[in-house]
Every structure is written in C-alpha cells, then in structure tokens.
Amino acid sequence: MARHYNYNPNKTNLTLGGIKMYDYAQDAKINIAYDEDFREVVTGTDGDTTTVEHNNRNATITLKVLAASPLNILLTTLATSDKEFDVLYTDKNFSGDIGAHASKGHFIKIADKDDENSSKAREWKIRAINLKQATELAKK
C-alpha cells in the first residue's frame, strides 16, 4: 500500500531571542546547515576503517524575510546588539518532538539591502552555537 504524507510550511517556526519569525519570502522560509558532518570514515592504506565522531553541532541558519517587512528592523536591532540569544526551531508536521535548540546564537552580518523594481527577500544568516536536535536533548 502506498503511503501519503502531508507537509505544511506553516507548521515550521523559528524563534530568535524570544521573537517568533514571520513574513517569510516566497521561495523559502528557513534553511539549517550544520558546519561539519557528524561522522567521518577514515580509510587506511590497507582498507581498514575508523569512524570518527565529530561533536561540532554549530550551524548556519538562513532566514529569508520579505523586504518590506517590519521584522527587518527588529532583526537589524538584534544583529547589531552585542548580546547572544536563544535559537529555537520547531516542526509540527510530525507527532513528537521534532526541532532544534541552541542557547547561544548571533547574526553573521546584517542582511544585504537591494532597492529594485520589485520587492525581493532579505536573507539573514544566523550562527547557532551547539544546535541540538530535540532527540538529542531528550537523551539527557
């Protein structure tokens, strides 16, 4: 029997420093990319292998916001602040805890601003320090 799944992008959210993000751009909301693979296989000259566990859970989060959104003012204020903030990502498309949390995050830079004929997205990049998946947090 074939399986069918539902996906709704409205069920995913990003909260930075207690501020829930909104006014996402048309093509994408959020992209989360870890800086390093969690595991690596090293192969010796004789073909023997070792699996190396990496503990780096730092990630870059790319957030695309409509250019005319007032959220850009809040993000600029947060980006120019000298304080780090909590990062919380949730995905309610599944039952159970799916998401990630980091107690420290900061902006890599202020989003570029382009004044053009049509309004485009502003792309913000956030560094999440030690971004742990909900499944990792539940193990503690």
N, C-alpha and C. Protein backbone atom coordinates (compact mmCIF):
# COMPACT_ATOMS: atom_id res chain seq x y z
N MET A 1 0.84 -1.17 0.00
CA MET A 1 0.00 0.00 0.00
C MET A 1 0.90 1.25 0.00
N ALA A 2 0.57 2.17 -0.85
CA ALA A 2 1.34 3.41 -0.95
C ALA A 2 1.06 4.31 0.24
N ARG A 3 2.07 5.01 0.65
CA ARG A 3 1.92 5.95 1.77
C ARG A 3 1.74 7.36 1.24
N HIS A 4 1.03 8.15 1.99
CA HIS A 4 0.83 9.56 1.64
C HIS A 4 1.10 10.40 2.88
N TYR A 5 1.86 11.47 2.70
CA TYR A 5 2.20 12.35 3.82
C TYR A 5 1.78 13.77 3.51
N ASN A 6 1.44 14.50 4.53
CA ASN A 6 1.09 15.91 4.39
C ASN A 6 2.23 16.77 4.93
N TYR A 7 2.51 17.84 4.25
CA TYR A 7 3.51 18.80 4.70
C TYR A 7 2.91 20.19 4.61
N ASN A 8 3.08 20.98 5.66
CA ASN A 8 2.56 22.33 5.69
C ASN A 8 3.67 23.24 6.23
N PRO A 9 4.21 24.14 5.39
CA PRO A 9 5.29 25.01 5.86
C PRO A 9 4.86 25.93 7.00
N ASN A 10 3.55 26.14 7.16
CA ASN A 10 3.07 26.96 8.27
C ASN A 10 3.26 26.29 9.62
N LYS A 11 3.60 25.00 9.61
CA LYS A 11 3.82 24.28 10.87
C LYS A 11 5.29 24.31 11.31
N THR A 12 6.13 25.03 10.57
CA THR A 12 7.52 25.19 10.98
C THR A 12 7.73 26.62 11.45
N ASN A 13 8.51 26.78 12.53
CA ASN A 13 8.74 28.11 13.08
C ASN A 13 10.16 28.25 13.57
N LEU A 14 10.64 29.49 13.52
CA LEU A 14 11.94 29.85 14.06
C LEU A 14 11.72 30.99 15.03
N THR A 15 12.30 30.86 16.22
CA THR A 15 12.21 31.90 17.24
C THR A 15 13.63 32.30 17.61
N LEU A 16 13.92 33.59 17.55
CA LEU A 16 15.24 34.12 17.89
C LEU A 16 15.10 35.09 19.04
N GLY A 17 15.73 34.78 20.15
CA GLY A 17 15.67 35.67 21.31
C GLY A 17 14.25 35.92 21.78
N GLY A 18 13.39 34.92 21.66
CA GLY A 18 12.00 35.05 22.08
C GLY A 18 11.09 35.70 21.05
N ILE A 19 11.63 36.09 19.89
CA ILE A 19 10.84 36.72 18.83
C ILE A 19 10.54 35.68 17.76
N LYS A 20 9.25 35.38 17.56
CA LYS A 20 8.85 34.41 16.53
C LYS A 20 8.96 35.08 15.16
N MET A 21 9.66 34.44 14.25
CA MET A 21 9.87 34.98 12.91
C MET A 21 8.59 34.87 12.08
N TYR A 22 8.42 35.79 11.16
CA TYR A 22 7.23 35.85 10.30
C TYR A 22 7.60 36.57 9.00
N ASP A 23 6.64 36.77 8.13
CA ASP A 23 6.84 37.45 6.84
C ASP A 23 7.95 36.80 6.00
N TYR A 24 7.88 35.48 5.90
CA TYR A 24 8.88 34.76 5.12
C TYR A 24 8.74 35.07 3.64
N ALA A 25 9.83 34.95 2.92
CA ALA A 25 9.85 35.21 1.48
C ALA A 25 9.10 34.12 0.72
N GLN A 26 8.91 34.32 -0.57
CA GLN A 26 8.08 33.41 -1.36
C GLN A 26 8.73 32.07 -1.65
N ASP A 27 10.05 32.00 -1.75
CA ASP A 27 10.66 30.74 -2.18
C ASP A 27 11.11 29.84 -1.04
N ALA A 28 11.44 30.40 0.09
CA ALA A 28 11.93 29.58 1.19
C ALA A 28 11.76 30.32 2.51
N LYS A 29 11.58 29.56 3.56
CA LYS A 29 11.48 30.15 4.90
C LYS A 29 12.83 30.08 5.60
N ILE A 30 13.25 28.86 5.86
CA ILE A 30 14.40 28.64 6.73
C ILE A 30 15.26 27.53 6.13
N ASN A 31 16.56 27.70 6.20
CA ASN A 31 17.50 26.64 5.84
C ASN A 31 18.46 26.49 7.01
N ILE A 32 18.66 25.25 7.47
CA ILE A 32 19.59 24.97 8.56
C ILE A 32 20.68 24.06 8.00
N ALA A 33 21.93 24.50 8.09
CA ALA A 33 23.06 23.72 7.58
C ALA A 33 24.12 23.61 8.68
N TYR A 34 24.38 22.38 9.09
CA TYR A 34 25.44 22.17 10.08
C TYR A 34 26.80 22.41 9.43
N ASP A 35 27.73 22.92 10.23
CA ASP A 35 29.06 23.29 9.72
C ASP A 35 29.92 22.07 9.40
N GLU A 36 29.66 20.95 10.03
CA GLU A 36 30.53 19.79 9.87
C GLU A 36 29.68 18.52 9.88
N ASP A 37 30.11 17.51 9.16
CA ASP A 37 29.45 16.21 9.22
C ASP A 37 29.54 15.66 10.63
N PHE A 38 28.53 14.93 11.07
CA PHE A 38 28.53 14.35 12.41
C PHE A 38 29.50 13.17 12.52
N ARG A 39 29.68 12.47 11.42
CA ARG A 39 30.60 11.33 11.40
C ARG A 39 31.41 11.34 10.11
N GLU A 40 32.62 10.79 10.21
CA GLU A 40 33.50 10.69 9.06
C GLU A 40 34.17 9.32 9.11
N VAL A 41 34.33 8.69 7.97
CA VAL A 41 35.04 7.41 7.90
C VAL A 41 36.42 7.68 7.33
N VAL A 42 37.43 7.27 8.08
CA VAL A 42 38.82 7.40 7.64
C VAL A 42 39.27 6.00 7.23
N THR A 43 39.79 5.89 6.01
CA THR A 43 40.23 4.60 5.49
C THR A 43 41.75 4.58 5.40
N GLY A 44 42.35 3.54 5.99
CA GLY A 44 43.80 3.38 5.95
C GLY A 44 44.27 2.80 4.63
N THR A 45 45.57 2.74 4.47
CA THR A 45 46.13 2.24 3.21
C THR A 45 45.81 0.77 2.95
N ASP A 46 45.55 0.00 4.02
CA ASP A 46 45.19 -1.42 3.86
C ASP A 46 43.68 -1.63 3.73
N GLY A 47 42.91 -0.54 3.74
CA GLY A 47 41.46 -0.66 3.62
C GLY A 47 40.73 -0.72 4.95
N ASP A 48 41.47 -0.76 6.07
CA ASP A 48 40.81 -0.73 7.37
C ASP A 48 40.22 0.65 7.59
N THR A 49 39.12 0.69 8.32
CA THR A 49 38.43 1.97 8.51
C THR A 49 38.20 2.29 9.98
N THR A 50 38.09 3.57 10.24
CA THR A 50 37.72 4.08 11.56
C THR A 50 36.64 5.11 11.36
N THR A 51 35.59 5.02 12.15
CA THR A 51 34.55 6.05 12.12
C THR A 51 34.88 7.08 13.20
N VAL A 52 35.00 8.31 12.78
CA VAL A 52 35.32 9.41 13.69
C VAL A 52 34.03 10.16 13.99
N GLU A 53 33.70 10.29 15.26
CA GLU A 53 32.51 11.04 15.67
C GLU A 53 32.92 12.50 15.90
N HIS A 54 32.29 13.40 15.18
CA HIS A 54 32.54 14.83 15.37
C HIS A 54 31.47 15.38 16.31
N ASN A 55 31.86 16.23 17.20
CA ASN A 55 30.93 16.80 18.18
C ASN A 55 30.57 18.25 17.89
N ASN A 56 30.97 18.73 16.74
CA ASN A 56 30.65 20.10 16.35
C ASN A 56 29.20 20.16 15.89
N ARG A 57 28.37 20.83 16.65
CA ARG A 57 26.95 20.97 16.29
C ARG A 57 26.61 22.43 15.96
N ASN A 58 27.64 23.23 15.62
CA ASN A 58 27.38 24.60 15.20
C ASN A 58 26.72 24.57 13.82
N ALA A 59 25.80 25.50 13.60
CA ALA A 59 25.05 25.51 12.34
C ALA A 59 24.83 26.94 11.87
N THR A 60 24.64 27.07 10.57
CA THR A 60 24.25 28.35 9.98
C THR A 60 22.79 28.24 9.57
N ILE A 61 21.99 29.19 10.05
CA ILE A 61 20.57 29.24 9.70
C ILE A 61 20.37 30.41 8.75
N THR A 62 19.80 30.13 7.60
CA THR A 62 19.48 31.19 6.65
C THR A 62 17.98 31.42 6.70
N LEU A 63 17.62 32.67 6.91
CA LEU A 63 16.23 33.09 7.06
C LEU A 63 15.94 34.12 5.99
N LYS A 64 14.90 33.89 5.20
CA LYS A 64 14.53 34.83 4.15
C LYS A 64 13.23 35.54 4.53
N VAL A 65 13.31 36.88 4.61
CA VAL A 65 12.19 37.70 5.06
C VAL A 65 11.82 38.68 3.94
N LEU A 66 10.51 38.92 3.78
CA LEU A 66 10.06 39.90 2.79
C LEU A 66 10.75 41.25 3.04
N ALA A 67 11.19 41.90 1.97
CA ALA A 67 11.96 43.14 2.09
C ALA A 67 11.19 44.25 2.79
N ALA A 68 9.88 44.30 2.61
CA ALA A 68 9.08 45.38 3.19
C ALA A 68 8.60 45.07 4.62
N SER A 69 8.98 43.93 5.16
CA SER A 69 8.51 43.54 6.49
C SER A 69 9.15 44.37 7.60
N PRO A 70 8.35 44.80 8.58
CA PRO A 70 8.93 45.48 9.73
C PRO A 70 9.82 44.58 10.58
N LEU A 71 9.75 43.27 10.36
CA LEU A 71 10.62 42.35 11.08
C LEU A 71 12.09 42.67 10.80
N ASN A 72 12.40 43.22 9.62
CA ASN A 72 13.78 43.58 9.29
C ASN A 72 14.36 44.60 10.28
N ILE A 73 13.53 45.48 10.81
CA ILE A 73 14.00 46.44 11.81
C ILE A 73 14.39 45.72 13.09
N LEU A 74 13.53 44.78 13.53
CA LEU A 74 13.84 44.00 14.73
C LEU A 74 15.10 43.16 14.54
N LEU A 75 15.24 42.56 13.36
CA LEU A 75 16.42 41.74 13.08
C LEU A 75 17.69 42.58 13.04
N THR A 76 17.60 43.79 12.48
CA THR A 76 18.76 44.69 12.46
C THR A 76 19.16 45.07 13.88
N THR A 77 18.17 45.35 14.72
CA THR A 77 18.45 45.68 16.12
C THR A 77 19.11 44.51 16.83
N LEU A 78 18.59 43.31 16.61
CA LEU A 78 19.15 42.12 17.24
C LEU A 78 20.56 41.84 16.69
N ALA A 79 20.76 42.06 15.40
CA ALA A 79 22.06 41.80 14.78
C ALA A 79 23.14 42.77 15.27
N THR A 80 22.77 44.00 15.56
CA THR A 80 23.76 44.99 15.99
C THR A 80 23.94 45.01 17.51
N SER A 81 23.16 44.21 18.20
CA SER A 81 23.31 44.08 19.65
C SER A 81 24.55 43.26 19.96
N ASP A 82 25.13 43.50 21.11
CA ASP A 82 26.31 42.72 21.50
C ASP A 82 25.92 41.48 22.30
N LYS A 83 24.63 41.18 22.35
CA LYS A 83 24.15 40.04 23.14
C LYS A 83 23.86 38.84 22.23
N GLU A 84 24.13 37.66 22.77
CA GLU A 84 23.73 36.44 22.09
C GLU A 84 22.30 36.11 22.52
N PHE A 85 21.64 35.23 21.80
CA PHE A 85 20.22 34.94 22.04
C PHE A 85 19.95 33.46 21.83
N ASP A 86 18.81 33.01 22.37
CA ASP A 86 18.34 31.64 22.16
C ASP A 86 17.86 31.46 20.72
N VAL A 87 18.02 30.24 20.21
CA VAL A 87 17.53 29.87 18.89
C VAL A 87 16.65 28.64 19.08
N LEU A 88 15.42 28.70 18.59
CA LEU A 88 14.51 27.58 18.69
C LEU A 88 13.85 27.35 17.34
N TYR A 89 13.97 26.13 16.83
CA TYR A 89 13.31 25.73 15.59
C TYR A 89 12.33 24.61 15.92
N THR A 90 11.09 24.74 15.46
CA THR A 90 10.10 23.69 15.67
C THR A 90 9.47 23.30 14.33
N ASP A 91 9.12 22.03 14.24
CA ASP A 91 8.44 21.50 13.06
C ASP A 91 7.31 20.61 13.56
N LYS A 92 6.08 21.08 13.42
CA LYS A 92 4.92 20.35 13.92
C LYS A 92 4.24 19.53 12.83
N ASN A 93 4.97 19.23 11.76
CA ASN A 93 4.44 18.36 10.71
C ASN A 93 4.43 16.90 11.15
N PHE A 94 5.10 16.60 12.25
CA PHE A 94 5.21 15.23 12.74
C PHE A 94 4.67 15.18 14.15
N SER A 95 4.29 14.01 14.60
CA SER A 95 3.92 13.87 16.01
C SER A 95 5.21 13.60 16.79
N GLY A 96 5.33 14.20 17.95
CA GLY A 96 6.55 14.06 18.74
C GLY A 96 7.39 15.30 18.66
N ASP A 97 8.55 15.23 19.28
CA ASP A 97 9.45 16.38 19.31
C ASP A 97 10.36 16.39 18.10
N ILE A 98 10.08 17.27 17.17
CA ILE A 98 10.95 17.49 16.03
C ILE A 98 11.32 18.96 16.05
N GLY A 99 12.59 19.22 16.10
CA GLY A 99 13.05 20.60 16.15
C GLY A 99 14.46 20.64 16.69
N ALA A 100 14.92 21.85 17.00
CA ALA A 100 16.28 22.02 17.49
C ALA A 100 16.36 23.26 18.35
N HIS A 101 17.37 23.28 19.24
CA HIS A 101 17.54 24.40 20.15
C HIS A 101 19.03 24.69 20.37
N ALA A 102 19.35 25.97 20.43
CA ALA A 102 20.69 26.41 20.82
C ALA A 102 20.51 27.56 21.80
N SER A 103 21.27 27.54 22.89
CA SER A 103 21.14 28.61 23.88
C SER A 103 21.95 29.84 23.48
N LYS A 104 22.79 29.71 22.46
CA LYS A 104 23.57 30.86 22.00
C LYS A 104 23.52 30.96 20.49
N GLY A 105 23.18 32.15 20.03
CA GLY A 105 23.17 32.43 18.61
C GLY A 105 23.53 33.88 18.38
N HIS A 106 24.02 34.18 17.19
CA HIS A 106 24.29 35.56 16.81
C HIS A 106 24.21 35.68 15.29
N PHE A 107 24.05 36.89 14.81
CA PHE A 107 23.98 37.12 13.38
C PHE A 107 25.38 37.16 12.80
N ILE A 108 25.55 36.58 11.64
CA ILE A 108 26.84 36.62 10.96
C ILE A 108 27.07 38.01 10.39
N LYS A 109 26.00 38.62 9.84
CA LYS A 109 26.05 40.01 9.37
C LYS A 109 24.63 40.49 9.14
N ILE A 110 24.47 41.77 8.93
CA ILE A 110 23.17 42.34 8.59
C ILE A 110 22.86 41.95 7.14
N ALA A 111 21.61 41.65 6.87
CA ALA A 111 21.21 41.23 5.52
C ALA A 111 21.46 42.35 4.51
N ASP A 112 21.85 41.94 3.30
CA ASP A 112 22.02 42.91 2.22
C ASP A 112 20.68 43.56 1.92
N LYS A 113 20.74 44.79 1.46
CA LYS A 113 19.51 45.52 1.11
C LYS A 113 19.62 45.94 -0.35
N ASP A 114 18.68 45.51 -1.16
CA ASP A 114 18.63 45.87 -2.57
C ASP A 114 17.33 46.62 -2.84
N ASP A 115 17.46 47.84 -3.36
CA ASP A 115 16.28 48.60 -3.78
C ASP A 115 16.15 48.44 -5.29
N GLU A 116 15.15 47.65 -5.69
CA GLU A 116 14.98 47.32 -7.09
C GLU A 116 13.55 47.61 -7.53
N ASN A 117 13.24 47.25 -8.78
CA ASN A 117 11.89 47.46 -9.31
C ASN A 117 10.85 46.65 -8.56
N SER A 118 11.22 45.48 -8.09
CA SER A 118 10.28 44.66 -7.34
C SER A 118 10.90 44.31 -5.99
N SER A 119 10.04 44.11 -5.04
CA SER A 119 10.48 43.80 -3.68
C SER A 119 10.98 42.36 -3.62
N LYS A 120 12.17 42.19 -3.13
CA LYS A 120 12.75 40.85 -3.01
C LYS A 120 12.99 40.55 -1.54
N ALA A 121 13.41 39.35 -1.28
CA ALA A 121 13.66 38.93 0.10
C ALA A 121 14.98 39.48 0.60
N ARG A 122 15.04 39.67 1.92
CA ARG A 122 16.32 39.94 2.58
C ARG A 122 16.74 38.65 3.25
N GLU A 123 17.98 38.27 3.04
CA GLU A 123 18.49 37.00 3.53
C GLU A 123 19.38 37.23 4.74
N TRP A 124 18.94 36.71 5.87
CA TRP A 124 19.67 36.84 7.13
C TRP A 124 20.38 35.53 7.44
N LYS A 125 21.60 35.62 7.94
CA LYS A 125 22.35 34.43 8.32
C LYS A 125 22.67 34.50 9.81
N ILE A 126 22.30 33.44 10.50
CA ILE A 126 22.46 33.35 11.95
C ILE A 126 23.37 32.17 12.26
N ARG A 127 24.30 32.37 13.16
CA ARG A 127 25.15 31.27 13.65
C ARG A 127 24.50 30.74 14.92
N ALA A 128 24.16 29.47 14.94
CA ALA A 128 23.62 28.80 16.13
C ALA A 128 24.73 27.94 16.72
N ILE A 129 25.12 28.26 17.93
CA ILE A 129 26.20 27.55 18.60
C ILE A 129 25.63 26.31 19.27
N ASN A 130 26.16 25.15 18.91
CA ASN A 130 25.75 23.88 19.51
C ASN A 130 24.25 23.63 19.36
N LEU A 131 23.79 23.66 18.11
CA LEU A 131 22.37 23.46 17.81
C LEU A 131 22.04 21.97 17.95
N LYS A 132 21.31 21.65 18.99
CA LYS A 132 20.99 20.25 19.31
C LYS A 132 19.58 19.93 18.83
N GLN A 133 19.44 18.78 18.20
CA GLN A 133 18.14 18.29 17.79
C GLN A 133 17.33 17.90 19.03
N ALA A 134 16.02 17.97 18.94
CA ALA A 134 15.16 17.63 20.08
C ALA A 134 15.42 16.19 20.55
N THR A 135 15.74 15.31 19.62
CA THR A 135 16.02 13.92 20.02
C THR A 135 17.29 13.83 20.86
N GLU A 136 18.27 14.70 20.61
CA GLU A 136 19.48 14.73 21.41
C GLU A 136 19.21 15.31 22.79
N LEU A 137 18.35 16.32 22.85
CA LEU A 137 18.01 16.96 24.13
C LEU A 137 17.24 16.01 25.03
N ALA A 138 16.41 15.15 24.41
CA ALA A 138 15.60 14.21 25.19
C ALA A 138 16.44 13.13 25.87
N LYS A 139 17.65 12.87 25.37
CA LYS A 139 18.52 11.84 25.91
C LYS A 139 19.10 12.24 27.28
N LYS A 140 19.14 13.52 27.54
CA LYS A 140 19.75 13.98 28.80
C LYS A 140 18.93 13.70 30.01
